Amino acid sequence: KNIFGDNIPPFSSTKAYTGHTLAA
């Protein structure tokens, strides 16, 4: 929100696919 204000581009996290792989 700080960077994009009210015009945030499409976004998503893919960690529900892979899990959080830390350094990878």
PDBML (XML) file of the C-alpha atoms, coordinates in Angstrom:
<?xml version="1.0" encoding="UTF-8" ?>
<PDBx:datablock datablockName="MODEL"
   xmlns:PDBx="http://pdbml.pdb.org/schema/pdbx-v50.xsd"
   xmlns:xsi="http://www.w3.org/2001/XMLSchema-instance"
   xsi:schemaLocation="http://pdbml.pdb.org/schema/pdbx-v50.xsd pdbx-v50.xsd">
   <PDBx:atom_siteCategory>
      <PDBx:atom_site id="1">
         <PDBx:B_iso_or_equiv>0.00</PDBx:B_iso_or_equiv>
         <PDBx:Cartn_x>0.000</PDBx:Cartn_x>
         <PDBx:Cartn_y>0.000</PDBx:Cartn_y>
         <PDBx:Cartn_z>0.000</PDBx:Cartn_z>
         <PDBx:auth_asym_id>A</PDBx:auth_asym_id>
         <PDBx:auth_atom_id>CA</PDBx:auth_atom_id>
         <PDBx:auth_comp_id>LYS</PDBx:auth_comp_id>
         <PDBx:auth_seq_id>1</PDBx:auth_seq_id>
         <PDBx:group_PDB>ATOM</PDBx:group_PDB>
         <PDBx:label_alt_id xsi:nil="true" />
         <PDBx:label_asym_id>A</PDBx:label_asym_id>
         <PDBx:label_atom_id>CA</PDBx:label_atom_id>
         <PDBx:label_comp_id>LYS</PDBx:label_comp_id>
         <PDBx:label_entity_id>1</PDBx:label_entity_id>
         <PDBx:label_seq_id>1</PDBx:label_seq_id>
         <PDBx:occupancy>1.00</PDBx:occupancy>
         <PDBx:pdbx_PDB_model_num>1</PDBx:pdbx_PDB_model_num>
         <PDBx:type_symbol>C</PDBx:type_symbol>
      </PDBx:atom_site>
      <PDBx:atom_site id="2">
         <PDBx:B_iso_or_equiv>0.00</PDBx:B_iso_or_equiv>
         <PDBx:Cartn_x>2.923</PDBx:Cartn_x>
         <PDBx:Cartn_y>2.329</PDBx:Cartn_y>
         <PDBx:Cartn_z>0.721</PDBx:Cartn_z>
         <PDBx:auth_asym_id>A</PDBx:auth_asym_id>
         <PDBx:auth_atom_id>CA</PDBx:auth_atom_id>
         <PDBx:auth_comp_id>ASN</PDBx:auth_comp_id>
         <PDBx:auth_seq_id>2</PDBx:auth_seq_id>
         <PDBx:group_PDB>ATOM</PDBx:group_PDB>
         <PDBx:label_alt_id xsi:nil="true" />
         <PDBx:label_asym_id>A</PDBx:label_asym_id>
         <PDBx:label_atom_id>CA</PDBx:label_atom_id>
         <PDBx:label_comp_id>ASN</PDBx:label_comp_id>
         <PDBx:label_entity_id>1</PDBx:label_entity_id>
         <PDBx:label_seq_id>2</PDBx:label_seq_id>
         <PDBx:occupancy>1.00</PDBx:occupancy>
         <PDBx:pdbx_PDB_model_num>1</PDBx:pdbx_PDB_model_num>
         <PDBx:type_symbol>C</PDBx:type_symbol>
      </PDBx:atom_site>
      <PDBx:atom_site id="3">
         <PDBx:B_iso_or_equiv>0.00</PDBx:B_iso_or_equiv>
         <PDBx:Cartn_x>4.280</PDBx:Cartn_x>
         <PDBx:Cartn_y>1.815</PDBx:Cartn_y>
         <PDBx:Cartn_z>-2.807</PDBx:Cartn_z>
         <PDBx:auth_asym_id>A</PDBx:auth_asym_id>
         <PDBx:auth_atom_id>CA</PDBx:auth_atom_id>
         <PDBx:auth_comp_id>ILE</PDBx:auth_comp_id>
         <PDBx:auth_seq_id>3</PDBx:auth_seq_id>
         <PDBx:group_PDB>ATOM</PDBx:group_PDB>
         <PDBx:label_alt_id xsi:nil="true" />
         <PDBx:label_asym_id>A</PDBx:label_asym_id>
         <PDBx:label_atom_id>CA</PDBx:label_atom_id>
         <PDBx:label_comp_id>ILE</PDBx:label_comp_id>
         <PDBx:label_entity_id>1</PDBx:label_entity_id>
         <PDBx:label_seq_id>3</PDBx:label_seq_id>
         <PDBx:occupancy>1.00</PDBx:occupancy>
         <PDBx:pdbx_PDB_model_num>1</PDBx:pdbx_PDB_model_num>
         <PDBx:type_symbol>C</PDBx:type_symbol>
      </PDBx:atom_site>
      <PDBx:atom_site id="4">
         <PDBx:B_iso_or_equiv>0.00</PDBx:B_iso_or_equiv>
         <PDBx:Cartn_x>1.187</PDBx:Cartn_x>
         <PDBx:Cartn_y>1.228</PDBx:Cartn_y>
         <PDBx:Cartn_z>-4.924</PDBx:Cartn_z>
         <PDBx:auth_asym_id>A</PDBx:auth_asym_id>
         <PDBx:auth_atom_id>CA</PDBx:auth_atom_id>
         <PDBx:auth_comp_id>PHE</PDBx:auth_comp_id>
         <PDBx:auth_seq_id>4</PDBx:auth_seq_id>
         <PDBx:group_PDB>ATOM</PDBx:group_PDB>
         <PDBx:label_alt_id xsi:nil="true" />
         <PDBx:label_asym_id>A</PDBx:label_asym_id>
         <PDBx:label_atom_id>CA</PDBx:label_atom_id>
         <PDBx:label_comp_id>PHE</PDBx:label_comp_id>
         <PDBx:label_entity_id>1</PDBx:label_entity_id>
         <PDBx:label_seq_id>4</PDBx:label_seq_id>
         <PDBx:occupancy>1.00</PDBx:occupancy>
         <PDBx:pdbx_PDB_model_num>1</PDBx:pdbx_PDB_model_num>
         <PDBx:type_symbol>C</PDBx:type_symbol>
      </PDBx:atom_site>
      <PDBx:atom_site id="5">
         <PDBx:B_iso_or_equiv>0.00</PDBx:B_iso_or_equiv>
         <PDBx:Cartn_x>-1.469</PDBx:Cartn_x>
         <PDBx:Cartn_y>3.136</PDBx:Cartn_y>
         <PDBx:Cartn_z>-2.993</PDBx:Cartn_z>
         <PDBx:auth_asym_id>A</PDBx:auth_asym_id>
         <PDBx:auth_atom_id>CA</PDBx:auth_atom_id>
         <PDBx:auth_comp_id>GLY</PDBx:auth_comp_id>
         <PDBx:auth_seq_id>5</PDBx:auth_seq_id>
         <PDBx:group_PDB>ATOM</PDBx:group_PDB>
         <PDBx:label_alt_id xsi:nil="true" />
         <PDBx:label_asym_id>A</PDBx:label_asym_id>
         <PDBx:label_atom_id>CA</PDBx:label_atom_id>
         <PDBx:label_comp_id>GLY</PDBx:label_comp_id>
         <PDBx:label_entity_id>1</PDBx:label_entity_id>
         <PDBx:label_seq_id>5</PDBx:label_seq_id>
         <PDBx:occupancy>1.00</PDBx:occupancy>
         <PDBx:pdbx_PDB_model_num>1</PDBx:pdbx_PDB_model_num>
         <PDBx:type_symbol>C</PDBx:type_symbol>
      </PDBx:atom_site>
      <PDBx:atom_site id="6">
         <PDBx:B_iso_or_equiv>0.00</PDBx:B_iso_or_equiv>
         <PDBx:Cartn_x>-4.975</PDBx:Cartn_x>
         <PDBx:Cartn_y>2.110</PDBx:Cartn_y>
         <PDBx:Cartn_z>-4.032</PDBx:Cartn_z>
         <PDBx:auth_asym_id>A</PDBx:auth_asym_id>
         <PDBx:auth_atom_id>CA</PDBx:auth_atom_id>
         <PDBx:auth_comp_id>ASP</PDBx:auth_comp_id>
         <PDBx:auth_seq_id>6</PDBx:auth_seq_id>
         <PDBx:group_PDB>ATOM</PDBx:group_PDB>
         <PDBx:label_alt_id xsi:nil="true" />
         <PDBx:label_asym_id>A</PDBx:label_asym_id>
         <PDBx:label_atom_id>CA</PDBx:label_atom_id>
         <PDBx:label_comp_id>ASP</PDBx:label_comp_id>
         <PDBx:label_entity_id>1</PDBx:label_entity_id>
         <PDBx:label_seq_id>6</PDBx:label_seq_id>
         <PDBx:occupancy>1.00</PDBx:occupancy>
         <PDBx:pdbx_PDB_model_num>1</PDBx:pdbx_PDB_model_num>
         <PDBx:type_symbol>C</PDBx:type_symbol>
      </PDBx:atom_site>
      <PDBx:atom_site id="7">
         <PDBx:B_iso_or_equiv>0.00</PDBx:B_iso_or_equiv>
         <PDBx:Cartn_x>-3.774</PDBx:Cartn_x>
         <PDBx:Cartn_y>0.675</PDBx:Cartn_y>
         <PDBx:Cartn_z>-7.364</PDBx:Cartn_z>
         <PDBx:auth_asym_id>A</PDBx:auth_asym_id>
         <PDBx:auth_atom_id>CA</PDBx:auth_atom_id>
         <PDBx:auth_comp_id>ASN</PDBx:auth_comp_id>
         <PDBx:auth_seq_id>7</PDBx:auth_seq_id>
         <PDBx:group_PDB>ATOM</PDBx:group_PDB>
         <PDBx:label_alt_id xsi:nil="true" />
         <PDBx:label_asym_id>A</PDBx:label_asym_id>
         <PDBx:label_atom_id>CA</PDBx:label_atom_id>
         <PDBx:label_comp_id>ASN</PDBx:label_comp_id>
         <PDBx:label_entity_id>1</PDBx:label_entity_id>
         <PDBx:label_seq_id>7</PDBx:label_seq_id>
         <PDBx:occupancy>1.00</PDBx:occupancy>
         <PDBx:pdbx_PDB_model_num>1</PDBx:pdbx_PDB_model_num>
         <PDBx:type_symbol>C</PDBx:type_symbol>
      </PDBx:atom_site>
      <PDBx:atom_site id="8">
         <PDBx:B_iso_or_equiv>0.00</PDBx:B_iso_or_equiv>
         <PDBx:Cartn_x>-2.049</PDBx:Cartn_x>
         <PDBx:Cartn_y>-2.524</PDBx:Cartn_y>
         <PDBx:Cartn_z>-6.258</PDBx:Cartn_z>
         <PDBx:auth_asym_id>A</PDBx:auth_asym_id>
         <PDBx:auth_atom_id>CA</PDBx:auth_atom_id>
         <PDBx:auth_comp_id>ILE</PDBx:auth_comp_id>
         <PDBx:auth_seq_id>8</PDBx:auth_seq_id>
         <PDBx:group_PDB>ATOM</PDBx:group_PDB>
         <PDBx:label_alt_id xsi:nil="true" />
         <PDBx:label_asym_id>A</PDBx:label_asym_id>
         <PDBx:label_atom_id>CA</PDBx:label_atom_id>
         <PDBx:label_comp_id>ILE</PDBx:label_comp_id>
         <PDBx:label_entity_id>1</PDBx:label_entity_id>
         <PDBx:label_seq_id>8</PDBx:label_seq_id>
         <PDBx:occupancy>1.00</PDBx:occupancy>
         <PDBx:pdbx_PDB_model_num>1</PDBx:pdbx_PDB_model_num>
         <PDBx:type_symbol>C</PDBx:type_symbol>
      </PDBx:atom_site>
      <PDBx:atom_site id="9">
         <PDBx:B_iso_or_equiv>0.00</PDBx:B_iso_or_equiv>
         <PDBx:Cartn_x>-1.354</PDBx:Cartn_x>
         <PDBx:Cartn_y>-4.851</PDBx:Cartn_y>
         <PDBx:Cartn_z>-9.225</PDBx:Cartn_z>
         <PDBx:auth_asym_id>A</PDBx:auth_asym_id>
         <PDBx:auth_atom_id>CA</PDBx:auth_atom_id>
         <PDBx:auth_comp_id>PRO</PDBx:auth_comp_id>
         <PDBx:auth_seq_id>9</PDBx:auth_seq_id>
         <PDBx:group_PDB>ATOM</PDBx:group_PDB>
         <PDBx:label_alt_id xsi:nil="true" />
         <PDBx:label_asym_id>A</PDBx:label_asym_id>
         <PDBx:label_atom_id>CA</PDBx:label_atom_id>
         <PDBx:label_comp_id>PRO</PDBx:label_comp_id>
         <PDBx:label_entity_id>1</PDBx:label_entity_id>
         <PDBx:label_seq_id>9</PDBx:label_seq_id>
         <PDBx:occupancy>1.00</PDBx:occupancy>
         <PDBx:pdbx_PDB_model_num>1</PDBx:pdbx_PDB_model_num>
         <PDBx:type_symbol>C</PDBx:type_symbol>
      </PDBx:atom_site>
      <PDBx:atom_site id="10">
         <PDBx:B_iso_or_equiv>0.00</PDBx:B_iso_or_equiv>
         <PDBx:Cartn_x>-2.633</PDBx:Cartn_x>
         <PDBx:Cartn_y>-8.457</PDBx:Cartn_y>
         <PDBx:Cartn_z>-9.188</PDBx:Cartn_z>
         <PDBx:auth_asym_id>A</PDBx:auth_asym_id>
         <PDBx:auth_atom_id>CA</PDBx:auth_atom_id>
         <PDBx:auth_comp_id>PRO</PDBx:auth_comp_id>
         <PDBx:auth_seq_id>10</PDBx:auth_seq_id>
         <PDBx:group_PDB>ATOM</PDBx:group_PDB>
         <PDBx:label_alt_id xsi:nil="true" />
         <PDBx:label_asym_id>A</PDBx:label_asym_id>
         <PDBx:label_atom_id>CA</PDBx:label_atom_id>
         <PDBx:label_comp_id>PRO</PDBx:label_comp_id>
         <PDBx:label_entity_id>1</PDBx:label_entity_id>
         <PDBx:label_seq_id>10</PDBx:label_seq_id>
         <PDBx:occupancy>1.00</PDBx:occupancy>
         <PDBx:pdbx_PDB_model_num>1</PDBx:pdbx_PDB_model_num>
         <PDBx:type_symbol>C</PDBx:type_symbol>
      </PDBx:atom_site>
      <PDBx:atom_site id="11">
         <PDBx:B_iso_or_equiv>0.00</PDBx:B_iso_or_equiv>
         <PDBx:Cartn_x>-0.701</PDBx:Cartn_x>
         <PDBx:Cartn_y>-10.251</PDBx:Cartn_y>
         <PDBx:Cartn_z>-6.457</PDBx:Cartn_z>
         <PDBx:auth_asym_id>A</PDBx:auth_asym_id>
         <PDBx:auth_atom_id>CA</PDBx:auth_atom_id>
         <PDBx:auth_comp_id>PHE</PDBx:auth_comp_id>
         <PDBx:auth_seq_id>11</PDBx:auth_seq_id>
         <PDBx:group_PDB>ATOM</PDBx:group_PDB>
         <PDBx:label_alt_id xsi:nil="true" />
         <PDBx:label_asym_id>A</PDBx:label_asym_id>
         <PDBx:label_atom_id>CA</PDBx:label_atom_id>
         <PDBx:label_comp_id>PHE</PDBx:label_comp_id>
         <PDBx:label_entity_id>1</PDBx:label_entity_id>
         <PDBx:label_seq_id>11</PDBx:label_seq_id>
         <PDBx:occupancy>1.00</PDBx:occupancy>
         <PDBx:pdbx_PDB_model_num>1</PDBx:pdbx_PDB_model_num>
         <PDBx:type_symbol>C</PDBx:type_symbol>
      </PDBx:atom_site>
      <PDBx:atom_site id="12">
         <PDBx:B_iso_or_equiv>0.00</PDBx:B_iso_or_equiv>
         <PDBx:Cartn_x>-0.498</PDBx:Cartn_x>
         <PDBx:Cartn_y>-13.671</PDBx:Cartn_y>
         <PDBx:Cartn_z>-4.859</PDBx:Cartn_z>
         <PDBx:auth_asym_id>A</PDBx:auth_asym_id>
         <PDBx:auth_atom_id>CA</PDBx:auth_atom_id>
         <PDBx:auth_comp_id>SER</PDBx:auth_comp_id>
         <PDBx:auth_seq_id>12</PDBx:auth_seq_id>
         <PDBx:group_PDB>ATOM</PDBx:group_PDB>
         <PDBx:label_alt_id xsi:nil="true" />
         <PDBx:label_asym_id>A</PDBx:label_asym_id>
         <PDBx:label_atom_id>CA</PDBx:label_atom_id>
         <PDBx:label_comp_id>SER</PDBx:label_comp_id>
         <PDBx:label_entity_id>1</PDBx:label_entity_id>
         <PDBx:label_seq_id>12</PDBx:label_seq_id>
         <PDBx:occupancy>1.00</PDBx:occupancy>
         <PDBx:pdbx_PDB_model_num>1</PDBx:pdbx_PDB_model_num>
         <PDBx:type_symbol>C</PDBx:type_symbol>
      </PDBx:atom_site>
      <PDBx:atom_site id="13">
         <PDBx:B_iso_or_equiv>0.00</PDBx:B_iso_or_equiv>
         <PDBx:Cartn_x>1.659</PDBx:Cartn_x>
         <PDBx:Cartn_y>-15.891</PDBx:Cartn_y>
         <PDBx:Cartn_z>-2.700</PDBx:Cartn_z>
         <PDBx:auth_asym_id>A</PDBx:auth_asym_id>
         <PDBx:auth_atom_id>CA</PDBx:auth_atom_id>
         <PDBx:auth_comp_id>SER</PDBx:auth_comp_id>
         <PDBx:auth_seq_id>13</PDBx:auth_seq_id>
         <PDBx:group_PDB>ATOM</PDBx:group_PDB>
         <PDBx:label_alt_id xsi:nil="true" />
         <PDBx:label_asym_id>A</PDBx:label_asym_id>
         <PDBx:label_atom_id>CA</PDBx:label_atom_id>
         <PDBx:label_comp_id>SER</PDBx:label_comp_id>
         <PDBx:label_entity_id>1</PDBx:label_entity_id>
         <PDBx:label_seq_id>13</PDBx:label_seq_id>
         <PDBx:occupancy>1.00</PDBx:occupancy>
         <PDBx:pdbx_PDB_model_num>1</PDBx:pdbx_PDB_model_num>
         <PDBx:type_symbol>C</PDBx:type_symbol>
      </PDBx:atom_site>
      <PDBx:atom_site id="14">
         <PDBx:B_iso_or_equiv>0.00</PDBx:B_iso_or_equiv>
         <PDBx:Cartn_x>2.565</PDBx:Cartn_x>
         <PDBx:Cartn_y>-19.325</PDBx:Cartn_y>
         <PDBx:Cartn_z>-4.060</PDBx:Cartn_z>
         <PDBx:auth_asym_id>A</PDBx:auth_asym_id>
         <PDBx:auth_atom_id>CA</PDBx:auth_atom_id>
         <PDBx:auth_comp_id>THR</PDBx:auth_comp_id>
         <PDBx:auth_seq_id>14</PDBx:auth_seq_id>
         <PDBx:group_PDB>ATOM</PDBx:group_PDB>
         <PDBx:label_alt_id xsi:nil="true" />
         <PDBx:label_asym_id>A</PDBx:label_asym_id>
         <PDBx:label_atom_id>CA</PDBx:label_atom_id>
         <PDBx:label_comp_id>THR</PDBx:label_comp_id>
         <PDBx:label_entity_id>1</PDBx:label_entity_id>
         <PDBx:label_seq_id>14</PDBx:label_seq_id>
         <PDBx:occupancy>1.00</PDBx:occupancy>
         <PDBx:pdbx_PDB_model_num>1</PDBx:pdbx_PDB_model_num>
         <PDBx:type_symbol>C</PDBx:type_symbol>
      </PDBx:atom_site>
      <PDBx:atom_site id="15">
         <PDBx:B_iso_or_equiv>0.00</PDBx:B_iso_or_equiv>
         <PDBx:Cartn_x>3.649</PDBx:Cartn_x>
         <PDBx:Cartn_y>-20.740</PDBx:Cartn_y>
         <PDBx:Cartn_z>-0.698</PDBx:Cartn_z>
         <PDBx:auth_asym_id>A</PDBx:auth_asym_id>
         <PDBx:auth_atom_id>CA</PDBx:auth_atom_id>
         <PDBx:auth_comp_id>LYS</PDBx:auth_comp_id>
         <PDBx:auth_seq_id>15</PDBx:auth_seq_id>
         <PDBx:group_PDB>ATOM</PDBx:group_PDB>
         <PDBx:label_alt_id xsi:nil="true" />
         <PDBx:label_asym_id>A</PDBx:label_asym_id>
         <PDBx:label_atom_id>CA</PDBx:label_atom_id>
         <PDBx:label_comp_id>LYS</PDBx:label_comp_id>
         <PDBx:label_entity_id>1</PDBx:label_entity_id>
         <PDBx:label_seq_id>15</PDBx:label_seq_id>
         <PDBx:occupancy>1.00</PDBx:occupancy>
         <PDBx:pdbx_PDB_model_num>1</PDBx:pdbx_PDB_model_num>
         <PDBx:type_symbol>C</PDBx:type_symbol>
      </PDBx:atom_site>
      <PDBx:atom_site id="16">
         <PDBx:B_iso_or_equiv>0.00</PDBx:B_iso_or_equiv>
         <PDBx:Cartn_x>0.435</PDBx:Cartn_x>
         <PDBx:Cartn_y>-22.717</PDBx:Cartn_y>
         <PDBx:Cartn_z>-0.302</PDBx:Cartn_z>
         <PDBx:auth_asym_id>A</PDBx:auth_asym_id>
         <PDBx:auth_atom_id>CA</PDBx:auth_atom_id>
         <PDBx:auth_comp_id>ALA</PDBx:auth_comp_id>
         <PDBx:auth_seq_id>16</PDBx:auth_seq_id>
         <PDBx:group_PDB>ATOM</PDBx:group_PDB>
         <PDBx:label_alt_id xsi:nil="true" />
         <PDBx:label_asym_id>A</PDBx:label_asym_id>
         <PDBx:label_atom_id>CA</PDBx:label_atom_id>
         <PDBx:label_comp_id>ALA</PDBx:label_comp_id>
         <PDBx:label_entity_id>1</PDBx:label_entity_id>
         <PDBx:label_seq_id>16</PDBx:label_seq_id>
         <PDBx:occupancy>1.00</PDBx:occupancy>
         <PDBx:pdbx_PDB_model_num>1</PDBx:pdbx_PDB_model_num>
         <PDBx:type_symbol>C</PDBx:type_symbol>
      </PDBx:atom_site>
      <PDBx:atom_site id="17">
         <PDBx:B_iso_or_equiv>0.00</PDBx:B_iso_or_equiv>
         <PDBx:Cartn_x>1.770</PDBx:Cartn_x>
         <PDBx:Cartn_y>-24.768</PDBx:Cartn_y>
         <PDBx:Cartn_z>-3.246</PDBx:Cartn_z>
         <PDBx:auth_asym_id>A</PDBx:auth_asym_id>
         <PDBx:auth_atom_id>CA</PDBx:auth_atom_id>
         <PDBx:auth_comp_id>TYR</PDBx:auth_comp_id>
         <PDBx:auth_seq_id>17</PDBx:auth_seq_id>
         <PDBx:group_PDB>ATOM</PDBx:group_PDB>
         <PDBx:label_alt_id xsi:nil="true" />
         <PDBx:label_asym_id>A</PDBx:label_asym_id>
         <PDBx:label_atom_id>CA</PDBx:label_atom_id>
         <PDBx:label_comp_id>TYR</PDBx:label_comp_id>
         <PDBx:label_entity_id>1</PDBx:label_entity_id>
         <PDBx:label_seq_id>17</PDBx:label_seq_id>
         <PDBx:occupancy>1.00</PDBx:occupancy>
         <PDBx:pdbx_PDB_model_num>1</PDBx:pdbx_PDB_model_num>
         <PDBx:type_symbol>C</PDBx:type_symbol>
      </PDBx:atom_site>
      <PDBx:atom_site id="18">
         <PDBx:B_iso_or_equiv>0.00</PDBx:B_iso_or_equiv>
         <PDBx:Cartn_x>5.357</PDBx:Cartn_x>
         <PDBx:Cartn_y>-25.384</PDBx:Cartn_y>
         <PDBx:Cartn_z>-2.118</PDBx:Cartn_z>
         <PDBx:auth_asym_id>A</PDBx:auth_asym_id>
         <PDBx:auth_atom_id>CA</PDBx:auth_atom_id>
         <PDBx:auth_comp_id>THR</PDBx:auth_comp_id>
         <PDBx:auth_seq_id>18</PDBx:auth_seq_id>
         <PDBx:group_PDB>ATOM</PDBx:group_PDB>
         <PDBx:label_alt_id xsi:nil="true" />
         <PDBx:label_asym_id>A</PDBx:label_asym_id>
         <PDBx:label_atom_id>CA</PDBx:label_atom_id>
         <PDBx:label_comp_id>THR</PDBx:label_comp_id>
         <PDBx:label_entity_id>1</PDBx:label_entity_id>
         <PDBx:label_seq_id>18</PDBx:label_seq_id>
         <PDBx:occupancy>1.00</PDBx:occupancy>
         <PDBx:pdbx_PDB_model_num>1</PDBx:pdbx_PDB_model_num>
         <PDBx:type_symbol>C</PDBx:type_symbol>
      </PDBx:atom_site>
      <PDBx:atom_site id="19">
         <PDBx:B_iso_or_equiv>0.00</PDBx:B_iso_or_equiv>
         <PDBx:Cartn_x>5.469</PDBx:Cartn_x>
         <PDBx:Cartn_y>-24.496</PDBx:Cartn_y>
         <PDBx:Cartn_z>1.546</PDBx:Cartn_z>
         <PDBx:auth_asym_id>A</PDBx:auth_asym_id>
         <PDBx:auth_atom_id>CA</PDBx:auth_atom_id>
         <PDBx:auth_comp_id>GLY</PDBx:auth_comp_id>
         <PDBx:auth_seq_id>19</PDBx:auth_seq_id>
         <PDBx:group_PDB>ATOM</PDBx:group_PDB>
         <PDBx:label_alt_id xsi:nil="true" />
         <PDBx:label_asym_id>A</PDBx:label_asym_id>
         <PDBx:label_atom_id>CA</PDBx:label_atom_id>
         <PDBx:label_comp_id>GLY</PDBx:label_comp_id>
         <PDBx:label_entity_id>1</PDBx:label_entity_id>
         <PDBx:label_seq_id>19</PDBx:label_seq_id>
         <PDBx:occupancy>1.00</PDBx:occupancy>
         <PDBx:pdbx_PDB_model_num>1</PDBx:pdbx_PDB_model_num>
         <PDBx:type_symbol>C</PDBx:type_symbol>
      </PDBx:atom_site>
      <PDBx:atom_site id="20">
         <PDBx:B_iso_or_equiv>0.00</PDBx:B_iso_or_equiv>
         <PDBx:Cartn_x>7.961</PDBx:Cartn_x>
         <PDBx:Cartn_y>-21.907</PDBx:Cartn_y>
         <PDBx:Cartn_z>2.752</PDBx:Cartn_z>
         <PDBx:auth_asym_id>A</PDBx:auth_asym_id>
         <PDBx:auth_atom_id>CA</PDBx:auth_atom_id>
         <PDBx:auth_comp_id>HIS</PDBx:auth_comp_id>
         <PDBx:auth_seq_id>20</PDBx:auth_seq_id>
         <PDBx:group_PDB>ATOM</PDBx:group_PDB>
         <PDBx:label_alt_id xsi:nil="true" />
         <PDBx:label_asym_id>A</PDBx:label_asym_id>
         <PDBx:label_atom_id>CA</PDBx:label_atom_id>
         <PDBx:label_comp_id>HIS</PDBx:label_comp_id>
         <PDBx:label_entity_id>1</PDBx:label_entity_id>
         <PDBx:label_seq_id>20</PDBx:label_seq_id>
         <PDBx:occupancy>1.00</PDBx:occupancy>
         <PDBx:pdbx_PDB_model_num>1</PDBx:pdbx_PDB_model_num>
         <PDBx:type_symbol>C</PDBx:type_symbol>
      </PDBx:atom_site>
      <PDBx:atom_site id="21">
         <PDBx:B_iso_or_equiv>0.00</PDBx:B_iso_or_equiv>
         <PDBx:Cartn_x>11.282</PDBx:Cartn_x>
         <PDBx:Cartn_y>-23.171</PDBx:Cartn_y>
         <PDBx:Cartn_z>1.408</PDBx:Cartn_z>
         <PDBx:auth_asym_id>A</PDBx:auth_asym_id>
         <PDBx:auth_atom_id>CA</PDBx:auth_atom_id>
         <PDBx:auth_comp_id>THR</PDBx:auth_comp_id>
         <PDBx:auth_seq_id>21</PDBx:auth_seq_id>
         <PDBx:group_PDB>ATOM</PDBx:group_PDB>
         <PDBx:label_alt_id xsi:nil="true" />
         <PDBx:label_asym_id>A</PDBx:label_asym_id>
         <PDBx:label_atom_id>CA</PDBx:label_atom_id>
         <PDBx:label_comp_id>THR</PDBx:label_comp_id>
         <PDBx:label_entity_id>1</PDBx:label_entity_id>
         <PDBx:label_seq_id>21</PDBx:label_seq_id>
         <PDBx:occupancy>1.00</PDBx:occupancy>
         <PDBx:pdbx_PDB_model_num>1</PDBx:pdbx_PDB_model_num>
         <PDBx:type_symbol>C</PDBx:type_symbol>
      </PDBx:atom_site>
      <PDBx:atom_site id="22">
         <PDBx:B_iso_or_equiv>0.00</PDBx:B_iso_or_equiv>
         <PDBx:Cartn_x>13.383</PDBx:Cartn_x>
         <PDBx:Cartn_y>-20.615</PDBx:Cartn_y>
         <PDBx:Cartn_z>3.333</PDBx:Cartn_z>
         <PDBx:auth_asym_id>A</PDBx:auth_asym_id>
         <PDBx:auth_atom_id>CA</PDBx:auth_atom_id>
         <PDBx:auth_comp_id>LEU</PDBx:auth_comp_id>
         <PDBx:auth_seq_id>22</PDBx:auth_seq_id>
         <PDBx:group_PDB>ATOM</PDBx:group_PDB>
         <PDBx:label_alt_id xsi:nil="true" />
         <PDBx:label_asym_id>A</PDBx:label_asym_id>
         <PDBx:label_atom_id>CA</PDBx:label_atom_id>
         <PDBx:label_comp_id>LEU</PDBx:label_comp_id>
         <PDBx:label_entity_id>1</PDBx:label_entity_id>
         <PDBx:label_seq_id>22</PDBx:label_seq_id>
         <PDBx:occupancy>1.00</PDBx:occupancy>
         <PDBx:pdbx_PDB_model_num>1</PDBx:pdbx_PDB_model_num>
         <PDBx:type_symbol>C</PDBx:type_symbol>
      </PDBx:atom_site>
      <PDBx:atom_site id="23">
         <PDBx:B_iso_or_equiv>0.00</PDBx:B_iso_or_equiv>
         <PDBx:Cartn_x>16.653</PDBx:Cartn_x>
         <PDBx:Cartn_y>-19.919</PDBx:Cartn_y>
         <PDBx:Cartn_z>1.465</PDBx:Cartn_z>
         <PDBx:auth_asym_id>A</PDBx:auth_asym_id>
         <PDBx:auth_atom_id>CA</PDBx:auth_atom_id>
         <PDBx:auth_comp_id>ALA</PDBx:auth_comp_id>
         <PDBx:auth_seq_id>23</PDBx:auth_seq_id>
         <PDBx:group_PDB>ATOM</PDBx:group_PDB>
         <PDBx:label_alt_id xsi:nil="true" />
         <PDBx:label_asym_id>A</PDBx:label_asym_id>
         <PDBx:label_atom_id>CA</PDBx:label_atom_id>
         <PDBx:label_comp_id>ALA</PDBx:label_comp_id>
         <PDBx:label_entity_id>1</PDBx:label_entity_id>
         <PDBx:label_seq_id>23</PDBx:label_seq_id>
         <PDBx:occupancy>1.00</PDBx:occupancy>
         <PDBx:pdbx_PDB_model_num>1</PDBx:pdbx_PDB_model_num>
         <PDBx:type_symbol>C</PDBx:type_symbol>
      </PDBx:atom_site>
      <PDBx:atom_site id="24">
         <PDBx:B_iso_or_equiv>0.00</PDBx:B_iso_or_equiv>
         <PDBx:Cartn_x>15.218</PDBx:Cartn_x>
         <PDBx:Cartn_y>-21.497</PDBx:Cartn_y>
         <PDBx:Cartn_z>-1.684</PDBx:Cartn_z>
         <PDBx:auth_asym_id>A</PDBx:auth_asym_id>
         <PDBx:auth_atom_id>CA</PDBx:auth_atom_id>
         <PDBx:auth_comp_id>ALA</PDBx:auth_comp_id>
         <PDBx:auth_seq_id>24</PDBx:auth_seq_id>
         <PDBx:group_PDB>ATOM</PDBx:group_PDB>
         <PDBx:label_alt_id xsi:nil="true" />
         <PDBx:label_asym_id>A</PDBx:label_asym_id>
         <PDBx:label_atom_id>CA</PDBx:label_atom_id>
         <PDBx:label_comp_id>ALA</PDBx:label_comp_id>
         <PDBx:label_entity_id>1</PDBx:label_entity_id>
         <PDBx:label_seq_id>24</PDBx:label_seq_id>
         <PDBx:occupancy>1.00</PDBx:occupancy>
         <PDBx:pdbx_PDB_model_num>1</PDBx:pdbx_PDB_model_num>
         <PDBx:type_symbol>C</PDBx:type_symbol>
      </PDBx:atom_site>
   </PDBx:atom_siteCategory>
</PDBx:datablock>
